[in-house]
Amino acid sequence: MAFADRLELPLRFDPVRLYGDLKALQVVAWTPHFVQQNYEGDWSVLALRAPADAVHPIMMITSSPGVTDYKDTPLLRDTPYFREVLHSFECPLQAVRLMRLKPGSVIKEHRDHDLAFETGTARLHIPVITNSEVDFRLCGRRVTMEPGSVWYLRLSEPHSVVNAGATDRVHLVIDAQSNDWLQALLARGTPH
């Protein structure tokens, strides 16, 4: 089954509680995104679920094709609302990360070829904090996402992000294995 390239899903999470868990991690060092040719500025990551055998921070933020065994990181133990959010998903969860784009930073247009429900892994975005000057483009069209909303984005298509605002943009990013539950959820999503 094929879905639209962007769907707002019929789930909603409390933006205040999401932000509270993010604040609980404010003393943790973020890892710069490892694909440096894809961005300018500061794009960094905290791993909440990672490949089970990963110990190096770069390997912990990687969502590698072929990896099937993932485990929660200590950061997830310290963030009860993020755990509650993840337990809402009745599908196998692979990598789960907080992804931060600092003000003035740009994620250049690129494709993540393996990220589409149809190929087995759906990437879901839950904005934790954002601002009106964040310009997320998918297939050249803007996607505006509010804190606490949940989005399926087919990122095997060209996408880019510019944070032209004065505050960070942080999303909870979930790589979920496609299954019947997730298919039914996406079928109830609203295309934008």
N, C-alpha and C. Protein backbone atom coordinates (compact mmCIF):
# COMPACT_ATOMS: atom_id res chain seq x y z
N MET A 1 0.85 -1.19 0.00
CA MET A 1 0.00 0.00 0.00
C MET A 1 0.89 1.24 0.00
N ALA A 2 0.59 2.20 -0.85
CA ALA A 2 1.35 3.45 -0.92
C ALA A 2 0.58 4.57 -0.21
N PHE A 3 1.32 5.40 0.48
CA PHE A 3 0.73 6.52 1.21
C PHE A 3 1.27 7.83 0.66
N ALA A 4 0.58 8.93 0.98
CA ALA A 4 1.05 10.27 0.63
C ALA A 4 2.41 10.50 1.26
N ASP A 5 3.17 11.43 0.71
CA ASP A 5 4.52 11.67 1.23
C ASP A 5 4.54 12.33 2.60
N ARG A 6 3.39 12.88 3.03
CA ARG A 6 3.28 13.50 4.36
C ARG A 6 1.89 13.25 4.90
N LEU A 7 1.82 12.78 6.12
CA LEU A 7 0.54 12.52 6.77
C LEU A 7 0.62 12.98 8.22
N GLU A 8 -0.34 13.80 8.64
CA GLU A 8 -0.47 14.10 10.05
C GLU A 8 -1.30 12.98 10.66
N LEU A 9 -0.75 12.29 11.63
CA LEU A 9 -1.38 11.10 12.16
C LEU A 9 -2.35 11.45 13.29
N PRO A 10 -3.35 10.59 13.51
CA PRO A 10 -4.37 10.87 14.53
C PRO A 10 -3.89 10.54 15.94
N LEU A 11 -2.74 11.07 16.30
CA LEU A 11 -2.18 10.96 17.65
C LEU A 11 -1.75 12.35 18.06
N ARG A 12 -1.76 12.62 19.36
CA ARG A 12 -1.31 13.91 19.86
C ARG A 12 -0.69 13.67 21.22
N PHE A 13 0.43 14.35 21.47
CA PHE A 13 1.10 14.23 22.76
C PHE A 13 1.23 15.62 23.38
N ASP A 14 1.36 15.64 24.70
CA ASP A 14 1.38 16.88 25.47
C ASP A 14 2.69 17.64 25.25
N PRO A 15 2.65 18.81 24.59
CA PRO A 15 3.87 19.56 24.32
C PRO A 15 4.62 19.98 25.59
N VAL A 16 3.89 20.26 26.67
CA VAL A 16 4.53 20.68 27.92
C VAL A 16 5.33 19.52 28.52
N ARG A 17 4.76 18.32 28.49
CA ARG A 17 5.47 17.16 29.03
C ARG A 17 6.64 16.76 28.12
N LEU A 18 6.47 16.88 26.82
CA LEU A 18 7.58 16.62 25.91
C LEU A 18 8.74 17.56 26.23
N TYR A 19 8.43 18.83 26.38
CA TYR A 19 9.47 19.83 26.68
C TYR A 19 10.11 19.55 28.04
N GLY A 20 9.31 19.09 29.01
CA GLY A 20 9.85 18.76 30.33
C GLY A 20 10.90 17.67 30.26
N ASP A 21 10.64 16.63 29.45
CA ASP A 21 11.64 15.57 29.30
C ASP A 21 12.87 16.08 28.55
N LEU A 22 12.68 16.95 27.57
CA LEU A 22 13.82 17.54 26.87
C LEU A 22 14.68 18.34 27.85
N LYS A 23 14.04 19.14 28.70
CA LYS A 23 14.79 19.94 29.69
C LYS A 23 15.57 19.06 30.64
N ALA A 24 15.04 17.87 30.95
CA ALA A 24 15.74 16.96 31.86
C ALA A 24 17.08 16.50 31.27
N LEU A 25 17.24 16.65 29.96
CA LEU A 25 18.47 16.23 29.28
C LEU A 25 19.39 17.40 28.95
N GLN A 26 19.12 18.58 29.50
CA GLN A 26 19.86 19.77 29.10
C GLN A 26 21.35 19.71 29.42
N VAL A 27 21.77 18.86 30.34
CA VAL A 27 23.20 18.78 30.68
C VAL A 27 23.92 17.71 29.85
N VAL A 28 23.18 16.98 29.02
CA VAL A 28 23.77 15.91 28.22
C VAL A 28 24.40 16.50 26.96
N ALA A 29 25.57 16.00 26.59
CA ALA A 29 26.24 16.46 25.37
C ALA A 29 25.59 15.83 24.14
N TRP A 30 25.18 16.65 23.20
CA TRP A 30 24.59 16.19 21.95
C TRP A 30 25.72 15.75 21.00
N THR A 31 25.43 14.77 20.15
CA THR A 31 26.40 14.27 19.17
C THR A 31 26.12 14.94 17.83
N PRO A 32 27.12 15.58 17.23
CA PRO A 32 26.91 16.16 15.89
C PRO A 32 26.49 15.07 14.90
N HIS A 33 25.54 15.42 14.03
CA HIS A 33 25.11 14.45 13.02
C HIS A 33 26.32 14.05 12.19
N PHE A 34 26.42 12.77 11.89
CA PHE A 34 27.63 12.24 11.26
C PHE A 34 27.71 12.47 9.75
N VAL A 35 26.60 12.82 9.09
CA VAL A 35 26.64 13.05 7.64
C VAL A 35 26.83 14.55 7.41
N GLN A 36 28.06 15.00 7.59
CA GLN A 36 28.35 16.43 7.61
C GLN A 36 28.11 17.11 6.28
N GLN A 37 28.17 16.39 5.18
CA GLN A 37 27.92 17.03 3.88
C GLN A 37 26.45 17.40 3.70
N ASN A 38 25.56 16.90 4.58
CA ASN A 38 24.14 17.18 4.44
C ASN A 38 23.67 18.42 5.19
N TYR A 39 24.57 19.10 5.91
CA TYR A 39 24.10 20.26 6.68
C TYR A 39 25.18 21.30 6.87
N GLU A 40 24.70 22.50 7.24
CA GLU A 40 25.56 23.62 7.63
C GLU A 40 25.06 24.10 8.98
N GLY A 41 25.98 24.39 9.89
CA GLY A 41 25.59 24.86 11.21
C GLY A 41 25.65 23.74 12.23
N ASP A 42 24.62 23.66 13.07
CA ASP A 42 24.61 22.71 14.18
C ASP A 42 23.36 21.83 14.09
N TRP A 43 23.56 20.60 13.67
CA TRP A 43 22.51 19.57 13.63
C TRP A 43 23.05 18.44 14.49
N SER A 44 22.39 18.18 15.60
CA SER A 44 22.92 17.21 16.54
C SER A 44 21.83 16.30 17.06
N VAL A 45 22.27 15.21 17.73
CA VAL A 45 21.37 14.09 18.01
C VAL A 45 21.64 13.55 19.42
N LEU A 46 20.57 13.08 20.08
CA LEU A 46 20.65 12.27 21.29
C LEU A 46 19.92 10.96 21.01
N ALA A 47 20.56 9.85 21.27
CA ALA A 47 19.95 8.53 21.03
C ALA A 47 19.12 8.11 22.23
N LEU A 48 17.86 7.74 21.98
CA LEU A 48 16.98 7.18 23.01
C LEU A 48 16.82 5.67 22.84
N ARG A 49 16.89 5.19 21.61
CA ARG A 49 17.00 3.76 21.27
C ARG A 49 18.09 3.66 20.23
N ALA A 50 18.91 2.62 20.37
CA ALA A 50 20.08 2.51 19.50
C ALA A 50 20.34 1.05 19.18
N PRO A 51 21.14 0.78 18.13
CA PRO A 51 21.52 -0.60 17.86
C PRO A 51 22.09 -1.23 19.14
N ALA A 52 21.67 -2.46 19.43
CA ALA A 52 21.99 -3.10 20.71
C ALA A 52 23.48 -3.21 20.98
N ASP A 53 24.29 -3.36 19.94
CA ASP A 53 25.73 -3.54 20.16
C ASP A 53 26.51 -2.23 20.05
N ALA A 54 25.83 -1.11 19.87
CA ALA A 54 26.52 0.18 19.69
C ALA A 54 26.95 0.75 21.03
N VAL A 55 28.20 1.20 21.10
CA VAL A 55 28.69 1.87 22.30
C VAL A 55 29.25 3.27 21.98
N HIS A 56 29.77 3.45 20.77
CA HIS A 56 30.29 4.75 20.37
C HIS A 56 29.11 5.68 20.05
N PRO A 57 29.15 6.95 20.48
CA PRO A 57 28.02 7.86 20.24
C PRO A 57 27.59 7.95 18.77
N ILE A 58 28.55 7.93 17.83
CA ILE A 58 28.18 8.00 16.41
C ILE A 58 27.37 6.76 16.02
N MET A 59 27.79 5.59 16.47
CA MET A 59 27.06 4.36 16.12
C MET A 59 25.70 4.31 16.81
N MET A 60 25.58 4.96 17.95
CA MET A 60 24.30 4.97 18.68
C MET A 60 23.24 5.81 17.97
N ILE A 61 23.67 6.82 17.20
CA ILE A 61 22.69 7.68 16.53
C ILE A 61 22.42 7.22 15.10
N THR A 62 23.03 6.11 14.70
CA THR A 62 22.89 5.61 13.34
C THR A 62 21.70 4.66 13.25
N SER A 63 20.95 4.77 12.19
CA SER A 63 19.88 3.81 11.91
C SER A 63 20.32 3.03 10.68
N SER A 64 21.08 1.97 10.92
CA SER A 64 21.70 1.24 9.82
C SER A 64 20.77 0.19 9.23
N PRO A 65 20.69 0.12 7.90
CA PRO A 65 19.92 -0.95 7.27
C PRO A 65 20.51 -2.30 7.68
N GLY A 66 19.66 -3.26 7.93
CA GLY A 66 20.12 -4.60 8.29
C GLY A 66 20.19 -4.83 9.79
N VAL A 67 20.26 -3.76 10.60
CA VAL A 67 20.27 -3.92 12.05
C VAL A 67 18.85 -4.24 12.50
N THR A 68 18.70 -5.29 13.29
CA THR A 68 17.36 -5.68 13.75
C THR A 68 17.22 -5.64 15.27
N ASP A 69 18.33 -5.53 15.98
CA ASP A 69 18.29 -5.57 17.44
C ASP A 69 18.60 -4.19 18.00
N TYR A 70 17.61 -3.56 18.63
CA TYR A 70 17.76 -2.23 19.21
C TYR A 70 17.46 -2.31 20.70
N LYS A 71 18.04 -1.38 21.46
CA LYS A 71 17.78 -1.32 22.90
C LYS A 71 17.61 0.13 23.32
N ASP A 72 16.89 0.31 24.44
CA ASP A 72 16.75 1.64 25.01
C ASP A 72 18.09 2.09 25.58
N THR A 73 18.36 3.38 25.47
CA THR A 73 19.59 3.93 26.06
C THR A 73 19.26 4.44 27.47
N PRO A 74 20.27 4.73 28.28
CA PRO A 74 20.01 5.29 29.61
C PRO A 74 19.23 6.60 29.56
N LEU A 75 19.37 7.37 28.48
CA LEU A 75 18.61 8.63 28.37
C LEU A 75 17.11 8.37 28.36
N LEU A 76 16.68 7.28 27.77
CA LEU A 76 15.25 6.98 27.74
C LEU A 76 14.75 6.63 29.15
N ARG A 77 15.59 5.99 29.93
CA ARG A 77 15.20 5.67 31.32
C ARG A 77 14.97 6.95 32.11
N ASP A 78 15.67 8.02 31.75
CA ASP A 78 15.58 9.28 32.49
C ASP A 78 14.47 10.19 31.98
N THR A 79 13.70 9.75 31.00
CA THR A 79 12.67 10.60 30.40
C THR A 79 11.35 9.82 30.35
N PRO A 80 10.58 9.85 31.44
CA PRO A 80 9.37 9.02 31.52
C PRO A 80 8.30 9.33 30.48
N TYR A 81 8.16 10.60 30.10
CA TYR A 81 7.12 10.88 29.11
C TYR A 81 7.52 10.39 27.73
N PHE A 82 8.80 10.52 27.37
CA PHE A 82 9.24 9.94 26.10
C PHE A 82 8.97 8.43 26.09
N ARG A 83 9.22 7.74 27.20
CA ARG A 83 8.92 6.30 27.28
C ARG A 83 7.43 6.05 27.06
N GLU A 84 6.60 6.87 27.70
CA GLU A 84 5.14 6.73 27.55
C GLU A 84 4.72 6.93 26.09
N VAL A 85 5.29 7.93 25.45
CA VAL A 85 5.00 8.19 24.04
C VAL A 85 5.36 6.97 23.20
N LEU A 86 6.56 6.43 23.39
CA LEU A 86 7.01 5.29 22.59
C LEU A 86 6.15 4.06 22.82
N HIS A 87 5.66 3.87 24.04
CA HIS A 87 4.79 2.72 24.31
C HIS A 87 3.44 2.82 23.61
N SER A 88 3.11 3.99 23.07
CA SER A 88 1.86 4.18 22.32
C SER A 88 1.90 3.52 20.95
N PHE A 89 3.10 3.21 20.47
CA PHE A 89 3.26 2.69 19.12
C PHE A 89 3.29 1.16 19.16
N GLU A 90 2.32 0.54 18.52
CA GLU A 90 2.19 -0.91 18.53
C GLU A 90 2.87 -1.52 17.30
N CYS A 91 4.11 -1.13 17.15
CA CYS A 91 4.94 -1.65 16.06
C CYS A 91 6.37 -1.69 16.58
N PRO A 92 7.22 -2.53 16.01
CA PRO A 92 8.60 -2.57 16.47
C PRO A 92 9.30 -1.24 16.20
N LEU A 93 9.97 -0.72 17.24
CA LEU A 93 10.70 0.53 17.12
C LEU A 93 12.17 0.23 16.94
N GLN A 94 12.75 0.89 15.98
CA GLN A 94 14.18 0.73 15.71
C GLN A 94 14.89 1.90 16.39
N ALA A 95 15.61 2.72 15.66
CA ALA A 95 16.28 3.87 16.26
C ALA A 95 15.26 4.93 16.64
N VAL A 96 15.48 5.53 17.81
CA VAL A 96 14.67 6.66 18.27
C VAL A 96 15.66 7.71 18.76
N ARG A 97 15.49 8.92 18.24
CA ARG A 97 16.45 9.98 18.55
C ARG A 97 15.75 11.32 18.75
N LEU A 98 16.39 12.16 19.53
CA LEU A 98 16.06 13.58 19.52
C LEU A 98 17.00 14.22 18.53
N MET A 99 16.45 15.00 17.60
CA MET A 99 17.28 15.64 16.59
C MET A 99 17.07 17.16 16.70
N ARG A 100 18.18 17.85 16.93
CA ARG A 100 18.14 19.30 17.19
C ARG A 100 18.80 20.05 16.04
N LEU A 101 18.11 21.08 15.56
CA LEU A 101 18.66 22.00 14.55
C LEU A 101 18.70 23.38 15.20
N LYS A 102 19.92 23.87 15.42
CA LYS A 102 20.10 25.16 16.08
C LYS A 102 19.72 26.31 15.14
N PRO A 103 19.43 27.49 15.70
CA PRO A 103 19.10 28.66 14.87
C PRO A 103 20.19 28.94 13.85
N GLY A 104 19.78 29.30 12.64
CA GLY A 104 20.71 29.63 11.56
C GLY A 104 21.28 28.41 10.85
N SER A 105 20.85 27.22 11.23
CA SER A 105 21.38 25.99 10.63
C SER A 105 20.48 25.49 9.51
N VAL A 106 21.09 24.72 8.60
CA VAL A 106 20.41 24.25 7.40
C VAL A 106 20.71 22.77 7.20
N ILE A 107 19.67 21.98 6.97
CA ILE A 107 19.84 20.61 6.48
C ILE A 107 19.59 20.69 4.99
N LYS A 108 20.62 20.41 4.22
CA LYS A 108 20.53 20.52 2.77
C LYS A 108 19.61 19.44 2.20
N GLU A 109 19.06 19.73 1.02
CA GLU A 109 18.17 18.74 0.40
C GLU A 109 18.93 17.43 0.17
N HIS A 110 18.29 16.35 0.59
CA HIS A 110 18.85 15.02 0.42
C HIS A 110 17.71 14.01 0.51
N ARG A 111 18.03 12.76 0.29
CA ARG A 111 17.07 11.65 0.40
C ARG A 111 17.65 10.60 1.33
N ASP A 112 16.77 9.99 2.12
CA ASP A 112 17.12 8.81 2.91
C ASP A 112 16.42 7.64 2.23
N HIS A 113 17.13 6.98 1.33
CA HIS A 113 16.52 6.06 0.38
C HIS A 113 15.74 4.91 1.02
N ASP A 114 16.05 4.54 2.23
CA ASP A 114 15.39 3.40 2.86
C ASP A 114 14.24 3.80 3.78
N LEU A 115 13.84 5.08 3.79
CA LEU A 115 12.82 5.52 4.74
C LEU A 115 11.49 5.79 4.07
N ALA A 116 10.72 4.70 3.93
CA ALA A 116 9.36 4.78 3.42
C ALA A 116 8.61 3.55 3.95
N PHE A 117 7.36 3.74 4.31
CA PHE A 117 6.58 2.61 4.82
C PHE A 117 6.65 1.44 3.85
N GLU A 118 6.59 1.76 2.56
CA GLU A 118 6.55 0.72 1.53
C GLU A 118 7.81 -0.13 1.49
N THR A 119 8.93 0.40 1.98
CA THR A 119 10.18 -0.37 1.97
C THR A 119 10.50 -0.97 3.34
N GLY A 120 9.60 -0.80 4.30
CA GLY A 120 9.74 -1.50 5.58
C GLY A 120 10.02 -0.66 6.80
N THR A 121 10.46 0.61 6.62
CA THR A 121 10.74 1.47 7.77
C THR A 121 10.09 2.83 7.56
N ALA A 122 9.22 3.19 8.48
CA ALA A 122 8.55 4.49 8.42
C ALA A 122 9.21 5.42 9.43
N ARG A 123 9.53 6.63 9.00
CA ARG A 123 10.08 7.62 9.93
C ARG A 123 8.94 8.53 10.38
N LEU A 124 8.82 8.63 11.70
CA LEU A 124 7.78 9.45 12.32
C LEU A 124 8.46 10.60 13.05
N HIS A 125 7.88 11.78 12.92
CA HIS A 125 8.40 12.98 13.58
C HIS A 125 7.38 13.49 14.58
N ILE A 126 7.84 13.79 15.79
CA ILE A 126 7.03 14.46 16.81
C ILE A 126 7.79 15.71 17.23
N PRO A 127 7.35 16.89 16.80
CA PRO A 127 8.03 18.10 17.22
C PRO A 127 7.93 18.28 18.74
N VAL A 128 9.07 18.56 19.37
CA VAL A 128 9.11 18.85 20.80
C VAL A 128 9.11 20.36 20.99
N ILE A 129 10.04 21.04 20.30
CA ILE A 129 10.03 22.51 20.25
C ILE A 129 10.35 22.92 18.82
N THR A 130 9.76 24.02 18.42
CA THR A 130 9.97 24.53 17.07
C THR A 130 9.67 26.03 17.09
N ASN A 131 9.73 26.64 15.94
CA ASN A 131 9.35 28.05 15.83
C ASN A 131 8.79 28.28 14.42
N SER A 132 8.13 29.39 14.24
CA SER A 132 7.45 29.66 12.97
C SER A 132 8.41 29.88 11.81
N GLU A 133 9.69 30.07 12.09
CA GLU A 133 10.68 30.30 11.04
C GLU A 133 11.38 29.03 10.59
N VAL A 134 10.95 27.88 11.10
CA VAL A 134 11.48 26.61 10.61
C VAL A 134 10.78 26.29 9.29
N ASP A 135 11.56 26.05 8.27
CA ASP A 135 11.02 25.75 6.94
C ASP A 135 11.46 24.33 6.55
N PHE A 136 10.57 23.38 6.81
CA PHE A 136 10.81 21.97 6.46
C PHE A 136 10.17 21.75 5.11
N ARG A 137 10.94 21.30 4.13
CA ARG A 137 10.44 21.05 2.77
C ARG A 137 10.55 19.58 2.44
N LEU A 138 9.48 19.05 1.88
CA LEU A 138 9.43 17.67 1.38
C LEU A 138 8.89 17.74 -0.03
N CYS A 139 9.66 17.25 -0.98
CA CYS A 139 9.30 17.35 -2.41
C CYS A 139 9.03 18.80 -2.80
N GLY A 140 9.79 19.73 -2.20
CA GLY A 140 9.68 21.14 -2.53
C GLY A 140 8.53 21.87 -1.87
N ARG A 141 7.68 21.16 -1.12
CA ARG A 141 6.52 21.80 -0.48
C ARG A 141 6.71 21.83 1.03
N ARG A 142 6.35 22.95 1.64
CA ARG A 142 6.55 23.15 3.08
C ARG A 142 5.63 22.24 3.89
N VAL A 143 6.19 21.73 4.99
CA VAL A 143 5.43 20.96 5.98
C VAL A 143 5.56 21.70 7.30
N THR A 144 4.44 22.17 7.84
CA THR A 144 4.44 22.89 9.11
C THR A 144 3.92 21.96 10.19
N MET A 145 4.76 21.71 11.20
CA MET A 145 4.42 20.74 12.25
C MET A 145 4.43 21.43 13.61
N GLU A 146 3.37 21.25 14.35
CA GLU A 146 3.23 21.86 15.68
C GLU A 146 3.74 20.91 16.75
N PRO A 147 4.25 21.46 17.88
CA PRO A 147 4.68 20.59 18.98
C PRO A 147 3.56 19.65 19.43
N GLY A 148 3.93 18.39 19.63
CA GLY A 148 2.98 17.37 20.08
C GLY A 148 2.26 16.65 18.97
N SER A 149 2.32 17.17 17.74
CA SER A 149 1.69 16.48 16.61
C SER A 149 2.60 15.33 16.17
N VAL A 150 2.04 14.39 15.41
CA VAL A 150 2.79 13.22 14.96
C VAL A 150 2.65 13.13 13.45
N TRP A 151 3.79 12.97 12.78
CA TRP A 151 3.83 12.99 11.32
C TRP A 151 4.56 11.79 10.76
N TYR A 152 4.00 11.21 9.71
CA TYR A 152 4.73 10.29 8.86
C TYR A 152 5.24 11.10 7.68
N LEU A 153 6.54 11.01 7.42
CA LEU A 153 7.16 11.70 6.29
C LEU A 153 7.93 10.67 5.47
N ARG A 154 7.62 10.55 4.19
CA ARG A 154 8.34 9.61 3.33
C ARG A 154 9.64 10.28 2.90
N LEU A 155 10.69 10.04 3.69
CA LEU A 155 11.94 10.75 3.51
C LEU A 155 12.86 10.11 2.48
N SER A 156 12.35 9.12 1.77
CA SER A 156 13.06 8.65 0.58
C SER A 156 12.90 9.68 -0.54
N GLU A 157 12.01 10.64 -0.34
CA GLU A 157 11.82 11.76 -1.26
C GLU A 157 12.75 12.91 -0.85
N PRO A 158 13.03 13.86 -1.75
CA PRO A 158 13.91 14.98 -1.40
C PRO A 158 13.31 15.84 -0.29
N HIS A 159 14.14 16.15 0.72
CA HIS A 159 13.69 16.99 1.82
C HIS A 159 14.84 17.84 2.35
N SER A 160 14.48 18.96 2.98
CA SER A 160 15.45 19.90 3.53
C SER A 160 14.80 20.65 4.68
N VAL A 161 15.63 21.27 5.52
CA VAL A 161 15.12 22.06 6.64
C VAL A 161 16.03 23.27 6.83
N VAL A 162 15.40 24.42 7.07
CA VAL A 162 16.12 25.64 7.44
C VAL A 162 15.52 26.14 8.75
N ASN A 163 16.37 26.39 9.75
CA ASN A 163 15.89 27.02 10.97
C ASN A 163 16.33 28.48 10.94
N ALA A 164 15.47 29.34 10.42
CA ALA A 164 15.75 30.77 10.32
C ALA A 164 15.29 31.52 11.57
N GLY A 165 14.80 30.77 12.57
CA GLY A 165 14.31 31.39 13.80
C GLY A 165 15.42 31.64 14.80
N ALA A 166 15.00 32.07 16.00
CA ALA A 166 15.95 32.41 17.06
C ALA A 166 16.04 31.33 18.13
N THR A 167 15.28 30.24 17.96
CA THR A 167 15.27 29.17 18.96
C THR A 167 15.54 27.83 18.28
N ASP A 168 15.92 26.85 19.10
CA ASP A 168 16.17 25.51 18.60
C ASP A 168 14.90 24.89 18.02
N ARG A 169 15.11 23.96 17.14
CA ARG A 169 14.04 23.08 16.65
C ARG A 169 14.47 21.66 17.04
N VAL A 170 13.66 20.99 17.86
CA VAL A 170 13.97 19.63 18.30
C VAL A 170 12.77 18.74 18.00
N HIS A 171 13.04 17.64 17.31
CA HIS A 171 12.01 16.64 17.03
C HIS A 171 12.39 15.32 17.67
N LEU A 172 11.40 14.61 18.16
CA LEU A 172 11.54 13.21 18.55
C LEU A 172 11.32 12.42 17.26
N VAL A 173 12.35 11.71 16.80
CA VAL A 173 12.31 11.04 15.50
C VAL A 173 12.35 9.54 15.74
N ILE A 174 11.33 8.86 15.23
CA ILE A 174 11.14 7.43 15.46
C ILE A 174 11.22 6.69 14.13
N ASP A 175 12.11 5.71 14.06
CA ASP A 175 12.14 4.80 12.92
C ASP A 175 11.38 3.55 13.35
N ALA A 176 10.22 3.34 12.72
CA ALA A 176 9.32 2.26 13.10
C ALA A 176 9.23 1.23 11.99
N GLN A 177 9.24 -0.02 12.38
CA GLN A 177 9.11 -1.09 11.39
C GLN A 177 7.66 -1.17 10.93
N SER A 178 7.48 -1.25 9.63
CA SER A 178 6.14 -1.32 9.06
C SER A 178 5.45 -2.61 9.53
N ASN A 179 4.20 -2.47 9.96
CA ASN A 179 3.37 -3.64 10.30
C ASN A 179 1.91 -3.25 10.08
N ASP A 180 0.99 -4.17 10.37
CA ASP A 180 -0.44 -3.92 10.13
C ASP A 180 -0.96 -2.77 10.97
N TRP A 181 -0.52 -2.67 12.24
CA TRP A 181 -0.97 -1.58 13.11
C TRP A 181 -0.56 -0.24 12.53
N LEU A 182 0.70 -0.14 12.11
CA LEU A 182 1.19 1.12 11.56
C LEU A 182 0.49 1.44 10.24
N GLN A 183 0.24 0.44 9.43
CA GLN A 183 -0.48 0.66 8.17
C GLN A 183 -1.86 1.23 8.45
N ALA A 184 -2.56 0.68 9.45
CA ALA A 184 -3.89 1.18 9.79
C ALA A 184 -3.81 2.61 10.32
N LEU A 185 -2.77 2.93 11.09
CA LEU A 185 -2.59 4.29 11.60
C LEU A 185 -2.36 5.26 10.45
N LEU A 186 -1.48 4.90 9.53
CA LEU A 186 -1.21 5.78 8.40
C LEU A 186 -2.45 5.95 7.52
N ALA A 187 -3.25 4.91 7.41
CA ALA A 187 -4.48 4.99 6.60
C ALA A 187 -5.45 6.02 7.19
N ARG A 188 -5.35 6.29 8.49
CA ARG A 188 -6.22 7.28 9.14
C ARG A 188 -5.58 8.67 9.17
N GLY A 189 -4.37 8.79 8.62
CA GLY A 189 -3.67 10.08 8.63
C GLY A 189 -4.28 11.08 7.65
N THR A 190 -3.99 12.35 7.91
CA THR A 190 -4.49 13.43 7.07
C THR A 190 -3.37 13.96 6.18
N PRO A 191 -3.52 13.84 4.84
CA PRO A 191 -2.49 14.41 3.96
C PRO A 191 -2.55 15.93 3.98
N HIS A 192 -1.41 16.57 3.87
CA HIS A 192 -1.35 18.05 3.84
C HIS A 192 -0.63 18.49 2.58
